[in-house]
Amino acid sequence: MNNATTWTFPITLRRNGVRLEPLEPRHAEGLAAAARDGELWKLRVTSVPAPGEEAAYIDTALQMLQAGTRLPFAVVDEASERVLGTTSYHDIDAPIRRLCIGHTWYARSVQRSHVNTTAKLMLMEHAFETLKAAMVGWRTDNFNFASQRAIERLGAKKDGVIRHHALRRDGTVRDTVMYSMAAGEWPEARAQLLYRLAFYKDSPC
């Protein structure tokens, strides 16, 4: 087992009726239903699996888990046990205590709800307070403006843009916008996330 795997190990996190649990092959059907909610695979700036590709999507995530570079989660509504989407720690670098949060997508019906804020709070809290991460990063497509706004609302700082960085599903090459948050910036970001969640407390998934 490599250093990354011993630092970030599979865990289940719960808060506000949302559960992050280790992604497994059994989640394929739930991910398929979540992706159908909004036909998310048609979005050019995301990597949501198309119909029939869910098992391969999960298999890729689990291969990265075994390599110690990714820790994937299924996002589940605890009341209904409905799979709402997925998120991950990725680009895990144990020696310098840095990781990224990404590979995140949700069914359209729960977008702009408390789900993403709750999931990000749990992931950041676990990273900074349990894993003692020094830095948490985010990456997004240069044309994914909604994602950029969401990351900025977390309190992350824009580090810059890597040009001609990664392939999109349509074969074009994207620029990648990079963000990060240092451990010293976490307390203020945590307070802001809790403040935002107070407005969602009565919202259903």
Protein backbone atom coordinates (compact mmCIF):
# COMPACT_ATOMS: atom_id res chain seq x y z
CA MET A 1 0.00 0.00 0.00
CA ASN A 2 1.46 3.36 -0.99
CA ASN A 3 1.81 6.50 1.12
CA ALA A 4 -1.19 8.20 -0.48
CA THR A 5 -3.48 5.28 0.33
CA THR A 6 -2.37 5.18 3.96
CA TRP A 7 -3.06 8.92 4.27
CA THR A 8 -6.47 9.00 2.57
CA PHE A 9 -8.44 5.85 3.25
CA PRO A 10 -12.09 5.05 2.41
CA ILE A 11 -14.47 6.56 4.94
CA THR A 12 -18.18 7.39 5.21
CA LEU A 13 -19.15 10.97 6.09
CA ARG A 14 -22.63 12.17 7.13
CA ARG A 15 -24.24 15.57 7.62
CA ASN A 16 -27.64 17.21 7.03
CA GLY A 17 -29.18 14.06 5.57
CA VAL A 18 -26.38 13.68 3.01
CA ARG A 19 -24.03 10.70 3.11
CA LEU A 20 -20.72 10.36 1.31
CA GLU A 21 -19.84 6.68 1.09
CA PRO A 22 -17.06 4.86 -0.79
CA LEU A 23 -18.00 4.50 -4.46
CA GLU A 24 -18.55 0.86 -5.42
CA PRO A 25 -19.83 -1.08 -8.47
CA ARG A 26 -23.25 -1.37 -6.77
CA HIS A 27 -23.73 2.39 -7.27
CA ALA A 28 -23.82 2.11 -11.07
CA GLU A 29 -27.61 2.05 -11.35
CA GLY A 30 -27.96 5.00 -8.98
CA LEU A 31 -25.38 7.02 -10.91
CA ALA A 32 -27.21 6.23 -14.14
CA ALA A 33 -30.46 7.58 -12.69
CA ALA A 34 -28.70 10.70 -11.40
CA ALA A 35 -27.13 11.35 -14.81
CA ARG A 36 -30.51 10.92 -16.55
CA ASP A 37 -31.85 13.69 -14.30
CA GLY A 38 -30.83 16.49 -16.63
CA GLU A 39 -29.11 14.32 -19.28
CA LEU A 40 -25.84 15.47 -17.73
CA TRP A 41 -23.61 13.53 -20.13
CA LYS A 42 -24.57 16.05 -22.83
CA LEU A 43 -22.77 18.84 -20.99
CA ARG A 44 -19.55 19.59 -22.82
CA VAL A 45 -17.59 20.73 -19.77
CA THR A 46 -18.16 17.72 -17.50
CA SER A 47 -17.16 14.05 -17.49
CA VAL A 48 -20.52 12.56 -16.49
CA PRO A 49 -20.82 8.99 -17.85
CA ALA A 50 -23.16 8.48 -20.78
CA PRO A 51 -25.82 5.75 -20.57
CA GLY A 52 -24.16 2.36 -20.32
CA GLU A 53 -20.79 3.80 -19.26
CA GLU A 54 -21.43 3.91 -15.51
CA ALA A 55 -19.64 0.63 -14.71
CA ALA A 56 -16.55 1.72 -16.65
CA TYR A 57 -16.66 5.12 -14.93
CA ILE A 58 -16.67 3.44 -11.52
CA ASP A 59 -13.97 0.98 -12.56
CA THR A 60 -11.69 3.84 -13.58
CA ALA A 61 -12.27 5.56 -10.25
CA LEU A 62 -11.48 2.36 -8.37
CA GLN A 63 -8.29 1.83 -10.37
CA MET A 64 -7.21 5.31 -9.31
CA LEU A 65 -8.14 4.43 -5.73
CA GLN A 66 -5.84 1.41 -5.89
CA ALA A 67 -3.08 3.62 -7.29
CA GLY A 68 -3.53 5.98 -4.35
CA THR A 69 -4.38 9.02 -6.48
CA ARG A 70 -8.14 9.22 -5.93
CA LEU A 71 -10.71 8.53 -3.22
CA PRO A 72 -14.17 8.43 -4.86
CA PHE A 73 -17.51 8.79 -3.07
CA ALA A 74 -21.15 8.23 -3.94
CA VAL A 75 -23.33 11.09 -2.69
CA VAL A 76 -26.51 9.63 -1.17
CA ASP A 77 -29.72 11.12 0.27
CA GLU A 78 -30.08 9.31 3.59
CA ALA A 79 -33.88 9.62 3.72
CA SER A 80 -34.53 7.93 0.37
CA GLU A 81 -31.18 6.16 -0.23
CA ARG A 82 -31.21 7.81 -3.65
CA VAL A 83 -27.81 8.33 -5.26
CA LEU A 84 -27.56 12.05 -6.00
CA GLY A 85 -24.18 12.07 -7.73
CA THR A 86 -20.52 11.59 -6.98
CA THR A 87 -17.43 13.46 -5.78
CA SER A 88 -13.80 12.60 -5.03
CA TYR A 89 -10.53 13.50 -3.47
CA HIS A 90 -7.97 13.28 -6.29
CA ASP A 91 -4.38 14.15 -7.19
CA ILE A 92 -3.46 13.05 -3.68
CA ASP A 93 0.11 13.96 -2.72
CA ALA A 94 0.77 12.57 0.75
CA PRO A 95 4.38 13.78 1.24
CA ILE A 96 3.32 17.44 0.95
CA ARG A 97 -0.19 16.84 2.39
CA ARG A 98 -2.03 18.19 -0.61
CA LEU A 99 -5.13 16.88 -2.40
CA CYS A 100 -7.84 18.14 -4.71
CA ILE A 101 -11.63 17.90 -4.57
CA GLY A 102 -13.31 17.19 -7.88
CA HIS A 103 -14.87 14.67 -10.28
CA THR A 104 -18.07 16.15 -8.81
CA TRP A 105 -21.51 16.11 -10.40
CA TYR A 106 -25.11 15.93 -9.17
CA ALA A 107 -28.55 15.20 -10.57
CA ARG A 108 -30.06 18.41 -11.88
CA SER A 109 -32.92 18.27 -9.36
CA VAL A 110 -30.51 18.74 -6.43
CA GLN A 111 -28.23 21.30 -8.03
CA ARG A 112 -28.35 24.68 -6.26
CA SER A 113 -29.63 22.92 -3.11
CA HIS A 114 -27.83 22.27 0.17
CA VAL A 115 -26.33 19.05 -1.18
CA ASN A 116 -23.15 20.42 -2.75
CA THR A 117 -22.46 22.83 0.11
CA THR A 118 -22.93 20.02 2.63
CA ALA A 119 -20.69 17.64 0.69
CA LYS A 120 -17.96 20.25 0.29
CA LEU A 121 -18.13 21.10 3.99
CA MET A 122 -17.68 17.43 4.92
CA LEU A 123 -14.82 16.92 2.47
CA MET A 124 -12.98 20.08 3.49
CA GLU A 125 -13.54 19.46 7.19
CA HIS A 126 -12.20 15.92 6.88
CA ALA A 127 -9.24 17.08 4.78
CA PHE A 128 -8.15 19.95 6.99
CA GLU A 129 -9.17 18.71 10.44
CA THR A 130 -8.69 14.93 10.26
CA LEU A 131 -6.10 14.45 7.53
CA LYS A 132 -4.34 17.72 8.45
CA ALA A 133 -3.99 18.70 4.80
CA ALA A 134 -1.79 21.71 4.15
CA MET A 135 -3.53 22.58 0.90
CA VAL A 136 -6.76 21.61 -0.88
CA GLY A 137 -7.15 22.32 -4.59
CA TRP A 138 -9.86 22.43 -7.25
CA ARG A 139 -9.70 22.35 -11.06
CA THR A 140 -12.33 23.13 -13.63
CA ASP A 141 -12.86 23.72 -17.33
CA ASN A 142 -12.27 27.29 -18.43
CA PHE A 143 -15.80 27.34 -19.88
CA ASN A 144 -17.44 25.84 -16.79
CA PHE A 145 -18.39 29.18 -15.32
CA ALA A 146 -20.92 27.71 -12.88
CA SER A 147 -18.21 25.50 -11.39
CA GLN A 148 -15.82 28.44 -11.13
CA ARG A 149 -18.41 30.51 -9.26
CA ALA A 150 -19.18 27.59 -6.93
CA ILE A 151 -15.49 27.08 -6.11
CA GLU A 152 -15.01 30.78 -5.47
CA ARG A 153 -17.99 30.77 -3.09
CA LEU A 154 -16.14 28.18 -1.01
CA GLY A 155 -13.44 30.75 -0.35
CA ALA A 156 -10.81 29.17 -2.61
CA LYS A 157 -8.24 31.41 -4.28
CA LYS A 158 -7.65 31.36 -8.03
CA ASP A 159 -4.09 30.25 -8.73
CA GLY A 160 -4.17 30.63 -12.48
CA VAL A 161 -4.91 28.82 -15.73
CA ILE A 162 -3.06 25.90 -17.32
CA ARG A 163 -3.51 26.32 -21.05
CA HIS A 164 -4.11 23.39 -23.41
CA HIS A 165 -4.29 21.04 -20.44
CA ALA A 166 -6.82 18.22 -20.90
CA LEU A 167 -9.11 16.58 -23.45
CA ARG A 168 -12.85 17.13 -23.32
CA ARG A 169 -15.25 14.35 -24.30
CA ASP A 170 -15.82 16.03 -27.67
CA GLY A 171 -12.12 15.84 -28.55
CA THR A 172 -11.33 19.52 -27.99
CA VAL A 173 -8.62 20.51 -25.53
CA ARG A 174 -9.58 22.62 -22.53
CA ASP A 175 -7.72 25.18 -20.49
CA THR A 176 -7.93 24.31 -16.79
CA VAL A 177 -8.64 26.92 -14.12
CA MET A 178 -6.81 26.14 -10.86
CA TYR A 179 -7.92 27.08 -7.33
CA SER A 180 -6.63 26.28 -3.86
CA MET A 181 -7.16 26.86 -0.15
CA ALA A 182 -4.45 26.73 2.52
CA ALA A 183 -5.02 25.27 5.97
CA GLY A 184 -4.83 28.73 7.53
CA GLU A 185 -7.73 29.90 5.36
CA TRP A 186 -10.01 27.05 6.41
CA PRO A 187 -11.52 28.47 9.65
CA GLU A 188 -13.00 31.49 7.87
CA ALA A 189 -14.17 29.35 4.94
CA ARG A 190 -15.80 26.89 7.37
CA ALA A 191 -17.68 29.71 9.11
CA GLN A 192 -18.98 30.97 5.76
CA LEU A 193 -20.09 27.49 4.67
CA LEU A 194 -21.99 26.99 7.93
CA TYR A 195 -23.60 30.42 7.47
CA ARG A 196 -24.73 29.47 3.95
CA LEU A 197 -26.08 26.11 5.12
CA ALA A 198 -28.32 27.86 7.65
CA PHE A 199 -30.40 29.10 4.69
CA TYR A 200 -30.83 25.53 3.39
CA LYS A 201 -31.76 23.83 6.65
CA ASP A 202 -35.38 23.28 5.69
CA SER A 203 -34.66 22.41 2.05
CA PRO A 204 -35.32 18.83 0.86
CA CYS A 205 -32.82 16.98 -1.31
